[in-house]
Amino acid sequence: CTFAPKEDEQMAEWIRETYSNLEILPMKKVGGIEDGRTPWSEHAGEDI
């Protein structure tokens, strides 16, 4: 429940780099679109 990249995207990237047996998966789609934007952002860099 934080916005810090060090605890978020960088942690996800660390998991991918450290564990070759783990594959990152797409998120389940959700509704709730407002102002033409999804309420979630698929964030930061194509690798993650």
All heavy atoms as atom14 arrays in JSON, in Angstrom:
{
  "sequence": "CTFAPKEDEQMAEWIRETYSNLEILPMKKVGGIEDGRTPWSEHAGEDI",
  "atom14_mask": [
    [1, 1, 1, 1, 1, 1, 0, 0, 0, 0, 0, 0, 0, 0],
    [1, 1, 1, 1, 1, 1, 1, 0, 0, 0, 0, 0, 0, 0],
    [1, 1, 1, 1, 1, 1, 1, 1, 1, 1, 1, 0, 0, 0],
    [1, 1, 1, 1, 1, 0, 0, 0, 0, 0, 0, 0, 0, 0],
    [1, 1, 1, 1, 1, 1, 1, 0, 0, 0, 0, 0, 0, 0],
    [1, 1, 1, 1, 1, 1, 1, 1, 1, 0, 0, 0, 0, 0],
    [1, 1, 1, 1, 1, 1, 1, 1, 1, 0, 0, 0, 0, 0],
    [1, 1, 1, 1, 1, 1, 1, 1, 0, 0, 0, 0, 0, 0],
    [1, 1, 1, 1, 1, 1, 1, 1, 1, 0, 0, 0, 0, 0],
    [1, 1, 1, 1, 1, 1, 1, 1, 1, 0, 0, 0, 0, 0],
    [1, 1, 1, 1, 1, 1, 1, 1, 0, 0, 0, 0, 0, 0],
    [1, 1, 1, 1, 1, 0, 0, 0, 0, 0, 0, 0, 0, 0],
    [1, 1, 1, 1, 1, 1, 1, 1, 1, 0, 0, 0, 0, 0],
    [1, 1, 1, 1, 1, 1, 1, 1, 1, 1, 1, 1, 1, 1],
    [1, 1, 1, 1, 1, 1, 1, 1, 0, 0, 0, 0, 0, 0],
    [1, 1, 1, 1, 1, 1, 1, 1, 1, 1, 1, 0, 0, 0],
    [1, 1, 1, 1, 1, 1, 1, 1, 1, 0, 0, 0, 0, 0],
    [1, 1, 1, 1, 1, 1, 1, 0, 0, 0, 0, 0, 0, 0],
    [1, 1, 1, 1, 1, 1, 1, 1, 1, 1, 1, 1, 0, 0],
    [1, 1, 1, 1, 1, 1, 0, 0, 0, 0, 0, 0, 0, 0],
    [1, 1, 1, 1, 1, 1, 1, 1, 0, 0, 0, 0, 0, 0],
    [1, 1, 1, 1, 1, 1, 1, 1, 0, 0, 0, 0, 0, 0],
    [1, 1, 1, 1, 1, 1, 1, 1, 1, 0, 0, 0, 0, 0],
    [1, 1, 1, 1, 1, 1, 1, 1, 0, 0, 0, 0, 0, 0],
    [1, 1, 1, 1, 1, 1, 1, 1, 0, 0, 0, 0, 0, 0],
    [1, 1, 1, 1, 1, 1, 1, 0, 0, 0, 0, 0, 0, 0],
    [1, 1, 1, 1, 1, 1, 1, 1, 0, 0, 0, 0, 0, 0],
    [1, 1, 1, 1, 1, 1, 1, 1, 1, 0, 0, 0, 0, 0],
    [1, 1, 1, 1, 1, 1, 1, 1, 1, 0, 0, 0, 0, 0],
    [1, 1, 1, 1, 1, 1, 1, 0, 0, 0, 0, 0, 0, 0],
    [1, 1, 1, 1, 0, 0, 0, 0, 0, 0, 0, 0, 0, 0],
    [1, 1, 1, 1, 0, 0, 0, 0, 0, 0, 0, 0, 0, 0],
    [1, 1, 1, 1, 1, 1, 1, 1, 0, 0, 0, 0, 0, 0],
    [1, 1, 1, 1, 1, 1, 1, 1, 1, 0, 0, 0, 0, 0],
    [1, 1, 1, 1, 1, 1, 1, 1, 0, 0, 0, 0, 0, 0],
    [1, 1, 1, 1, 0, 0, 0, 0, 0, 0, 0, 0, 0, 0],
    [1, 1, 1, 1, 1, 1, 1, 1, 1, 1, 1, 0, 0, 0],
    [1, 1, 1, 1, 1, 1, 1, 0, 0, 0, 0, 0, 0, 0],
    [1, 1, 1, 1, 1, 1, 1, 0, 0, 0, 0, 0, 0, 0],
    [1, 1, 1, 1, 1, 1, 1, 1, 1, 1, 1, 1, 1, 1],
    [1, 1, 1, 1, 1, 1, 0, 0, 0, 0, 0, 0, 0, 0],
    [1, 1, 1, 1, 1, 1, 1, 1, 1, 0, 0, 0, 0, 0],
    [1, 1, 1, 1, 1, 1, 1, 1, 1, 1, 0, 0, 0, 0],
    [1, 1, 1, 1, 1, 0, 0, 0, 0, 0, 0, 0, 0, 0],
    [1, 1, 1, 1, 0, 0, 0, 0, 0, 0, 0, 0, 0, 0],
    [1, 1, 1, 1, 1, 1, 1, 1, 1, 0, 0, 0, 0, 0],
    [1, 1, 1, 1, 1, 1, 1, 1, 0, 0, 0, 0, 0, 0],
    [1, 1, 1, 1, 1, 1, 1, 1, 0, 0, 0, 0, 0, 0]
  ],
  "atom14_positions": [
    [[0.86, -1.19, 0.0], [0.0, 0.0, 0.0], [0.9, 1.24, 0.0], [0.75, 2.14, 0.82], [-0.97, 0.0, 1.17], [-0.2, -0.12, 2.8], [0.0, 0.0, 0.0], [0.0, 0.0, 0.0], [0.0, 0.0, 0.0], [0.0, 0.0, 0.0], [0.0, 0.0, 0.0], [0.0, 0.0, 0.0], [0.0, 0.0, 0.0], [0.0, 0.0, 0.0]],
    [[1.85, 1.24, -0.93], [2.78, 2.37, -1.04], [3.0, 2.72, -2.5], [2.66, 1.93, -3.4], [4.12, 2.06, -0.35], [4.86, 3.25, -0.19], [4.94, 1.05, -1.15], [0.0, 0.0, 0.0], [0.0, 0.0, 0.0], [0.0, 0.0, 0.0], [0.0, 0.0, 0.0], [0.0, 0.0, 0.0], [0.0, 0.0, 0.0], [0.0, 0.0, 0.0]],
    [[3.56, 3.9, -2.76], [3.85, 4.34, -4.12], [5.34, 4.27, -4.45], [5.74, 4.52, -5.58], [3.39, 5.79, -4.32], [1.92, 6.0, -4.08], [1.48, 6.83, -3.04], [0.97, 5.39, -4.87], [0.14, 7.03, -2.81], [-0.38, 5.59, -4.66], [-0.81, 6.41, -3.62], [0.0, 0.0, 0.0], [0.0, 0.0, 0.0], [0.0, 0.0, 0.0]],
    [[6.17, 3.93, -3.48], [7.62, 3.98, -3.66], [8.07, 2.95, -4.69], [7.9, 1.74, -4.47], [8.31, 3.72, -2.32], [0.0, 0.0, 0.0], [0.0, 0.0, 0.0], [0.0, 0.0, 0.0], [0.0, 0.0, 0.0], [0.0, 0.0, 0.0], [0.0, 0.0, 0.0], [0.0, 0.0, 0.0], [0.0, 0.0, 0.0], [0.0, 0.0, 0.0]],
    [[8.66, 3.36, -5.81], [9.14, 2.39, -6.82], [10.1, 1.36, -6.23], [10.13, 0.22, -6.66], [9.83, 3.28, -7.85], [9.15, 4.61, -7.73], [8.86, 4.75, -6.26], [0.0, 0.0, 0.0], [0.0, 0.0, 0.0], [0.0, 0.0, 0.0], [0.0, 0.0, 0.0], [0.0, 0.0, 0.0], [0.0, 0.0, 0.0], [0.0, 0.0, 0.0]],
    [[10.88, 1.77, -5.23], [11.83, 0.84, -4.61], [11.12, -0.34, -3.95], [11.65, -1.45, -3.89], [12.67, 1.6, -3.57], [13.82, 0.79, -3.0], [14.7, 1.64, -2.11], [15.57, 2.59, -2.94], [16.59, 3.27, -2.1], [0.0, 0.0, 0.0], [0.0, 0.0, 0.0], [0.0, 0.0, 0.0], [0.0, 0.0, 0.0], [0.0, 0.0, 0.0]],
    [[9.88, -0.11, -3.5], [9.09, -1.17, -2.87], [8.11, -1.81, -3.85], [7.48, -2.81, -3.51], [8.32, -0.61, -1.69], [9.17, 0.01, -0.6], [8.33, 0.6, 0.52], [7.72, -0.2, 1.27], [8.25, 1.84, 0.62], [0.0, 0.0, 0.0], [0.0, 0.0, 0.0], [0.0, 0.0, 0.0], [0.0, 0.0, 0.0], [0.0, 0.0, 0.0]],
    [[7.98, -1.23, -5.04], [6.97, -1.69, -5.99], [7.62, -2.26, -7.26], [8.05, -3.4, -7.27], [6.0, -0.55, -6.33], [5.14, -0.14, -5.13], [5.11, -0.89, -4.14], [4.5, 0.92, -5.19], [0.0, 0.0, 0.0], [0.0, 0.0, 0.0], [0.0, 0.0, 0.0], [0.0, 0.0, 0.0], [0.0, 0.0, 0.0], [0.0, 0.0, 0.0]],
    [[7.75, -1.44, -8.31], [8.28, -1.94, -9.59], [9.69, -2.5, -9.46], [10.02, -3.52, -10.07], [8.26, -0.83, -10.64], [6.86, -0.45, -11.11], [6.19, 0.55, -10.19], [6.86, 1.07, -9.27], [5.0, 0.82, -10.38], [0.0, 0.0, 0.0], [0.0, 0.0, 0.0], [0.0, 0.0, 0.0], [0.0, 0.0, 0.0], [0.0, 0.0, 0.0]],
    [[10.52, -1.83, -8.68], [11.89, -2.32, -8.53], [11.92, -3.65, -7.78], [12.78, -4.5, -8.04], [12.75, -1.27, -7.81], [13.01, -0.03, -8.66], [13.8, 1.03, -7.9], [14.57, 0.73, -7.0], [13.59, 2.3, -8.26], [0.0, 0.0, 0.0], [0.0, 0.0, 0.0], [0.0, 0.0, 0.0], [0.0, 0.0, 0.0], [0.0, 0.0, 0.0]],
    [[10.96, -3.85, -6.89], [10.87, -5.14, -6.19], [10.39, -6.23, -7.16], [10.9, -7.36, -7.14], [9.9, -5.03, -5.01], [10.01, -6.18, -4.03], [11.65, -6.33, -3.27], [11.78, -4.74, -2.44], [0.0, 0.0, 0.0], [0.0, 0.0, 0.0], [0.0, 0.0, 0.0], [0.0, 0.0, 0.0], [0.0, 0.0, 0.0], [0.0, 0.0, 0.0]],
    [[9.43, -5.89, -8.03], [8.97, -6.86, -9.03], [10.11, -7.24, -9.97], [10.28, -8.42, -10.33], [7.79, -6.28, -9.81], [0.0, 0.0, 0.0], [0.0, 0.0, 0.0], [0.0, 0.0, 0.0], [0.0, 0.0, 0.0], [0.0, 0.0, 0.0], [0.0, 0.0, 0.0], [0.0, 0.0, 0.0], [0.0, 0.0, 0.0], [0.0, 0.0, 0.0]],
    [[10.9, -6.25, -10.35], [12.04, -6.51, -11.24], [13.08, -7.37, -10.52], [13.69, -8.26, -11.12], [12.65, -5.18, -11.69], [13.74, -5.33, -12.73], [13.25, -5.94, -14.03], [12.02, -5.92, -14.29], [14.09, -6.47, -14.78], [0.0, 0.0, 0.0], [0.0, 0.0, 0.0], [0.0, 0.0, 0.0], [0.0, 0.0, 0.0], [0.0, 0.0, 0.0]],
    [[13.3, -7.11, -9.23], [14.23, -7.93, -8.45], [13.77, -9.39, -8.4], [14.58, -10.32, -8.52], [14.34, -7.37, -7.03], [15.18, -8.21, -6.11], [16.54, -8.22, -6.0], [14.7, -9.21, -5.2], [16.93, -9.15, -5.07], [15.84, -9.77, -4.55], [13.43, -9.67, -4.84], [15.72, -10.76, -3.59], [13.32, -10.67, -3.88], [14.47, -11.2, -3.27]],
    [[12.47, -9.62, -8.25], [11.93, -10.99, -8.25], [12.24, -11.67, -9.58], [12.71, -12.81, -9.63], [10.41, -10.98, -7.99], [10.11, -10.47, -6.56], [9.82, -12.38, -8.17], [8.64, -10.21, -6.3], [0.0, 0.0, 0.0], [0.0, 0.0, 0.0], [0.0, 0.0, 0.0], [0.0, 0.0, 0.0], [0.0, 0.0, 0.0], [0.0, 0.0, 0.0]],
    [[12.0, -10.97, -10.68], [12.22, -11.54, -12.01], [13.7, -11.85, -12.26], [14.04, -12.87, -12.85], [11.7, -10.59, -13.09], [10.2, -10.42, -13.08], [9.73, -9.43, -14.14], [9.86, -9.99, -15.47], [10.69, -9.54, -16.4], [11.49, -8.52, -16.15], [10.74, -10.11, -17.6], [0.0, 0.0, 0.0], [0.0, 0.0, 0.0], [0.0, 0.0, 0.0]],
    [[14.56, -10.96, -11.81], [16.0, -11.17, -12.01], [16.56, -12.27, -11.12], [17.5, -12.97, -11.49], [16.75, -9.86, -11.74], [16.49, -8.78, -12.78], [17.17, -7.48, -12.41], [17.67, -7.38, -11.26], [17.2, -6.56, -13.25], [0.0, 0.0, 0.0], [0.0, 0.0, 0.0], [0.0, 0.0, 0.0], [0.0, 0.0, 0.0], [0.0, 0.0, 0.0]],
    [[15.98, -12.42, -9.93], [16.51, -13.35, -8.94], [16.01, -14.78, -9.14], [16.75, -15.74, -8.9], [16.17, -12.87, -7.51], [16.6, -11.51, -7.35], [16.83, -13.74, -6.45], [0.0, 0.0, 0.0], [0.0, 0.0, 0.0], [0.0, 0.0, 0.0], [0.0, 0.0, 0.0], [0.0, 0.0, 0.0], [0.0, 0.0, 0.0], [0.0, 0.0, 0.0]],
    [[14.77, -14.92, -9.6], [14.13, -16.24, -9.69], [13.73, -16.54, -11.13], [12.69, -16.09, -11.61], [12.92, -16.3, -8.75], [13.3, -16.05, -7.31], [13.08, -14.8, -6.72], [13.91, -17.04, -6.54], [13.45, -14.56, -5.4], [14.28, -16.81, -5.23], [14.05, -15.57, -4.67], [14.42, -15.34, -3.38], [0.0, 0.0, 0.0], [0.0, 0.0, 0.0]],
    [[14.56, -17.32, -11.78], [14.31, -17.63, -13.19], [13.09, -18.51, -13.39], [12.55, -18.61, -14.49], [15.55, -18.31, -13.79], [15.84, -19.51, -13.08], [0.0, 0.0, 0.0], [0.0, 0.0, 0.0], [0.0, 0.0, 0.0], [0.0, 0.0, 0.0], [0.0, 0.0, 0.0], [0.0, 0.0, 0.0], [0.0, 0.0, 0.0], [0.0, 0.0, 0.0]],
    [[12.66, -19.2, -12.33], [11.49, -20.08, -12.45], [10.17, -19.33, -12.29], [9.1, -19.92, -12.42], [11.56, -21.19, -11.39], [11.47, -20.65, -9.97], [12.11, -19.65, -9.65], [10.68, -21.28, -9.13], [0.0, 0.0, 0.0], [0.0, 0.0, 0.0], [0.0, 0.0, 0.0], [0.0, 0.0, 0.0], [0.0, 0.0, 0.0], [0.0, 0.0, 0.0]],
    [[10.23, -18.01, -12.03], [9.01, -17.22, -11.87], [8.75, -16.38, -13.11], [9.65, -15.74, -13.64], [9.11, -16.31, -10.64], [9.14, -17.0, -9.27], [9.13, -15.95, -8.17], [7.97, -17.95, -9.1], [0.0, 0.0, 0.0], [0.0, 0.0, 0.0], [0.0, 0.0, 0.0], [0.0, 0.0, 0.0], [0.0, 0.0, 0.0], [0.0, 0.0, 0.0]],
    [[7.51, -16.39, -13.52], [7.07, -15.6, -14.68], [6.06, -14.56, -14.22], [5.14, -14.89, -13.46], [6.43, -16.51, -15.72], [5.85, -15.78, -16.92], [5.03, -16.67, -17.81], [4.82, -17.85, -17.44], [4.57, -16.2, -18.87], [0.0, 0.0, 0.0], [0.0, 0.0, 0.0], [0.0, 0.0, 0.0], [0.0, 0.0, 0.0], [0.0, 0.0, 0.0]],
    [[6.23, -13.32, -14.64], [5.27, -12.28, -14.27], [4.04, -12.41, -15.16], [4.14, -12.71, -16.35], [5.9, -10.87, -14.38], [5.04, -9.85, -13.64], [6.16, -10.46, -15.82], [5.75, -8.56, -13.32], [0.0, 0.0, 0.0], [0.0, 0.0, 0.0], [0.0, 0.0, 0.0], [0.0, 0.0, 0.0], [0.0, 0.0, 0.0], [0.0, 0.0, 0.0]],
    [[2.85, -12.24, -14.57], [1.59, -12.47, -15.26], [0.8, -11.18, -15.42], [0.94, -10.25, -14.62], [0.74, -13.48, -14.48], [1.33, -14.87, -14.29], [0.39, -15.72, -13.46], [1.58, -15.54, -15.63], [0.0, 0.0, 0.0], [0.0, 0.0, 0.0], [0.0, 0.0, 0.0], [0.0, 0.0, 0.0], [0.0, 0.0, 0.0], [0.0, 0.0, 0.0]],
    [[-0.08, -11.12, -16.42], [-0.95, -9.94, -16.57], [-1.99, -9.89, -15.46], [-2.36, -10.91, -14.88], [-1.61, -10.16, -17.94], [-1.55, -11.63, -18.15], [-0.29, -12.1, -17.49], [0.0, 0.0, 0.0], [0.0, 0.0, 0.0], [0.0, 0.0, 0.0], [0.0, 0.0, 0.0], [0.0, 0.0, 0.0], [0.0, 0.0, 0.0], [0.0, 0.0, 0.0]],
    [[-2.46, -8.69, -15.17], [-3.47, -8.51, -14.13], [-4.84, -8.89, -14.66], [-5.11, -8.82, -15.86], [-3.52, -7.04, -13.69], [-2.17, -6.44, -13.35], [-1.35, -7.26, -11.96], [-2.52, -6.89, -10.67], [0.0, 0.0, 0.0], [0.0, 0.0, 0.0], [0.0, 0.0, 0.0], [0.0, 0.0, 0.0], [0.0, 0.0, 0.0], [0.0, 0.0, 0.0]],
    [[-5.72, -9.33, -13.76], [-7.11, -9.53, -14.13], [-7.72, -8.18, -14.49], [-7.5, -7.18, -13.8], [-7.9, -10.12, -12.96], [-7.88, -11.62, -12.88], [-8.65, -12.11, -11.69], [-10.09, -12.37, -12.04], [-10.83, -12.98, -10.91], [0.0, 0.0, 0.0], [0.0, 0.0, 0.0], [0.0, 0.0, 0.0], [0.0, 0.0, 0.0], [0.0, 0.0, 0.0]],
    [[-8.49, -8.13, -15.57], [-9.1, -6.87, -15.98], [-10.18, -6.46, -14.98], [-10.87, -7.29, -14.4], [-9.71, -7.01, -17.37], [-8.66, -7.18, -18.47], [-9.31, -7.25, -19.83], [-8.25, -7.4, -20.92], [-8.86, -7.5, -22.26], [0.0, 0.0, 0.0], [0.0, 0.0, 0.0], [0.0, 0.0, 0.0], [0.0, 0.0, 0.0], [0.0, 0.0, 0.0]],
    [[-10.31, -5.15, -14.8], [-11.33, -4.63, -13.88], [-12.14, -3.56, -14.59], [-11.72, -2.98, -15.58], [-10.7, -4.02, -12.61], [-9.96, -5.07, -11.82], [-9.77, -2.88, -12.95], [0.0, 0.0, 0.0], [0.0, 0.0, 0.0], [0.0, 0.0, 0.0], [0.0, 0.0, 0.0], [0.0, 0.0, 0.0], [0.0, 0.0, 0.0], [0.0, 0.0, 0.0]],
    [[-13.32, -3.31, -14.05], [-14.16, -2.24, -14.58], [-13.87, -0.94, -13.87], [-12.84, -0.78, -13.22], [0.0, 0.0, 0.0], [0.0, 0.0, 0.0], [0.0, 0.0, 0.0], [0.0, 0.0, 0.0], [0.0, 0.0, 0.0], [0.0, 0.0, 0.0], [0.0, 0.0, 0.0], [0.0, 0.0, 0.0], [0.0, 0.0, 0.0], [0.0, 0.0, 0.0]],
    [[-14.8, -0.02, -13.94], [-14.67, 1.24, -13.21], [-13.94, 2.32, -13.97], [-13.29, 3.17, -13.38], [0.0, 0.0, 0.0], [0.0, 0.0, 0.0], [0.0, 0.0, 0.0], [0.0, 0.0, 0.0], [0.0, 0.0, 0.0], [0.0, 0.0, 0.0], [0.0, 0.0, 0.0], [0.0, 0.0, 0.0], [0.0, 0.0, 0.0], [0.0, 0.0, 0.0]],
    [[-14.01, 2.31, -15.31], [-13.31, 3.32, -16.1], [-13.96, 4.69, -15.89], [-15.17, 4.84, -15.96], [-13.32, 2.94, -17.59], [-12.43, 1.71, -17.8], [-12.86, 4.08, -18.46], [-12.4, 1.19, -19.21], [0.0, 0.0, 0.0], [0.0, 0.0, 0.0], [0.0, 0.0, 0.0], [0.0, 0.0, 0.0], [0.0, 0.0, 0.0], [0.0, 0.0, 0.0]],
    [[-13.15, 5.67, -15.62], [-13.61, 7.05, -15.42], [-12.74, 7.98, -16.26], [-11.53, 7.79, -16.36], [-13.51, 7.44, -13.94], [-14.35, 6.55, -13.03], [-14.06, 6.8, -11.57], [-13.29, 7.74, -11.27], [-14.58, 6.06, -10.73], [0.0, 0.0, 0.0], [0.0, 0.0, 0.0], [0.0, 0.0, 0.0], [0.0, 0.0, 0.0], [0.0, 0.0, 0.0]],
    [[-13.36, 8.98, -16.87], [-12.64, 9.99, -17.66], [-11.8, 9.35, -18.77], [-10.73, 9.85, -19.12], [-11.71, 10.83, -16.76], [-12.5, 11.52, -15.65], [-13.66, 11.88, -15.91], [-11.96, 11.68, -14.56], [0.0, 0.0, 0.0], [0.0, 0.0, 0.0], [0.0, 0.0, 0.0], [0.0, 0.0, 0.0], [0.0, 0.0, 0.0], [0.0, 0.0, 0.0]],
    [[-12.27, 8.22, -19.29], [-11.55, 7.57, -20.37], [-10.29, 6.84, -19.93], [-9.54, 6.34, -20.76], [0.0, 0.0, 0.0], [0.0, 0.0, 0.0], [0.0, 0.0, 0.0], [0.0, 0.0, 0.0], [0.0, 0.0, 0.0], [0.0, 0.0, 0.0], [0.0, 0.0, 0.0], [0.0, 0.0, 0.0], [0.0, 0.0, 0.0], [0.0, 0.0, 0.0]],
    [[-10.02, 6.78, -18.63], [-8.81, 6.13, -18.13], [-9.19, 4.98, -17.21], [-10.13, 5.08, -16.44], [-7.94, 7.11, -17.35], [-7.43, 8.28, -18.15], [-6.61, 9.21, -17.28], [-7.38, 9.72, -16.16], [-6.91, 10.62, -15.3], [-5.68, 11.06, -15.43], [-7.65, 11.06, -14.32], [0.0, 0.0, 0.0], [0.0, 0.0, 0.0], [0.0, 0.0, 0.0]],
    [[-8.46, 3.89, -17.31], [-8.68, 2.82, -16.35], [-8.26, 3.32, -14.96], [-7.3, 4.07, -14.84], [-7.89, 1.56, -16.72], [-8.02, 0.62, -15.66], [-6.42, 1.85, -16.92], [0.0, 0.0, 0.0], [0.0, 0.0, 0.0], [0.0, 0.0, 0.0], [0.0, 0.0, 0.0], [0.0, 0.0, 0.0], [0.0, 0.0, 0.0], [0.0, 0.0, 0.0]],
    [[-8.97, 2.88, -13.9], [-8.58, 3.32, -12.55], [-7.24, 2.74, -12.1], [-6.65, 3.19, -11.14], [-9.73, 2.79, -11.68], [-10.33, 1.68, -12.45], [-10.17, 2.06, -13.9], [0.0, 0.0, 0.0], [0.0, 0.0, 0.0], [0.0, 0.0, 0.0], [0.0, 0.0, 0.0], [0.0, 0.0, 0.0], [0.0, 0.0, 0.0], [0.0, 0.0, 0.0]],
    [[-6.77, 1.71, -12.81], [-5.44, 1.16, -12.52], [-4.51, 1.58, -13.65], [-4.9, 1.7, -14.79], [-5.47, -0.36, -12.49], [-6.32, -0.94, -11.42], [-7.2, -0.31, -10.63], [-6.37, -2.32, -11.07], [-7.81, -1.18, -9.78], [-7.31, -2.43, -10.03], [-5.71, -3.45, -11.51], [-7.61, -3.65, -9.43], [-6.01, -4.66, -10.91], [-6.94, -4.76, -9.88]],
    [[-3.28, 1.78, -13.33], [-2.3, 2.0, -14.39], [-1.34, 0.82, -14.43], [-0.85, 0.37, -13.39], [-1.52, 3.3, -14.17], [-0.69, 3.2, -13.04], [0.0, 0.0, 0.0], [0.0, 0.0, 0.0], [0.0, 0.0, 0.0], [0.0, 0.0, 0.0], [0.0, 0.0, 0.0], [0.0, 0.0, 0.0], [0.0, 0.0, 0.0], [0.0, 0.0, 0.0]],
    [[-1.13, 0.28, -15.63], [-0.1, -0.73, -15.82], [1.2, 0.04, -16.0], [1.44, 0.63, -17.04], [-0.43, -1.62, -17.02], [-1.67, -2.45, -16.79], [-2.01, -3.3, -17.98], [-1.44, -3.08, -19.06], [-2.86, -4.19, -17.84], [0.0, 0.0, 0.0], [0.0, 0.0, 0.0], [0.0, 0.0, 0.0], [0.0, 0.0, 0.0], [0.0, 0.0, 0.0]],
    [[2.02, 0.01, -14.96], [2.98, 1.1, -14.75], [4.41, 0.74, -15.12], [4.86, -0.38, -14.94], [2.92, 1.53, -13.28], [3.59, 2.83, -13.02], [3.0, 4.05, -13.28], [4.82, 3.11, -12.56], [3.84, 5.01, -12.96], [4.95, 4.47, -12.52], [0.0, 0.0, 0.0], [0.0, 0.0, 0.0], [0.0, 0.0, 0.0], [0.0, 0.0, 0.0]],
    [[5.11, 1.72, -15.64], [6.57, 1.87, -15.64], [7.34, 0.78, -16.36], [7.67, -0.25, -15.8], [7.1, 1.98, -14.21], [0.0, 0.0, 0.0], [0.0, 0.0, 0.0], [0.0, 0.0, 0.0], [0.0, 0.0, 0.0], [0.0, 0.0, 0.0], [0.0, 0.0, 0.0], [0.0, 0.0, 0.0], [0.0, 0.0, 0.0], [0.0, 0.0, 0.0]],
    [[7.61, 0.99, -17.62], [8.59, 0.17, -18.34], [8.02, -1.11, -18.89], [7.26, -1.81, -18.24], [0.0, 0.0, 0.0], [0.0, 0.0, 0.0], [0.0, 0.0, 0.0], [0.0, 0.0, 0.0], [0.0, 0.0, 0.0], [0.0, 0.0, 0.0], [0.0, 0.0, 0.0], [0.0, 0.0, 0.0], [0.0, 0.0, 0.0], [0.0, 0.0, 0.0]],
    [[8.39, -1.46, -20.1], [7.78, -2.63, -20.73], [8.17, -3.93, -20.05], [7.42, -4.91, -20.11], [8.11, -2.68, -22.21], [9.56, -2.41, -22.58], [9.73, -2.37, -24.09], [9.83, -3.47, -24.66], [9.76, -1.28, -24.66], [0.0, 0.0, 0.0], [0.0, 0.0, 0.0], [0.0, 0.0, 0.0], [0.0, 0.0, 0.0], [0.0, 0.0, 0.0]],
    [[9.3, -3.98, -19.38], [9.7, -5.22, -18.71], [8.74, -5.59, -17.59], [8.59, -6.76, -17.25], [11.11, -5.09, -18.11], [12.18, -5.25, -19.19], [11.81, -5.71, -20.28], [13.33, -4.91, -18.91], [0.0, 0.0, 0.0], [0.0, 0.0, 0.0], [0.0, 0.0, 0.0], [0.0, 0.0, 0.0], [0.0, 0.0, 0.0], [0.0, 0.0, 0.0]],
    [[8.12, -4.6, -16.96], [7.2, -4.87, -15.85], [5.86, -4.22, -16.12], [5.2, -3.72, -15.23], [7.8, -4.39, -14.52], [8.43, -3.0, -14.65], [8.82, -5.36, -13.99], [8.91, -2.44, -13.34], [0.0, 0.0, 0.0], [0.0, 0.0, 0.0], [0.0, 0.0, 0.0], [0.0, 0.0, 0.0], [0.0, 0.0, 0.0], [0.0, 0.0, 0.0]]
  ]
}
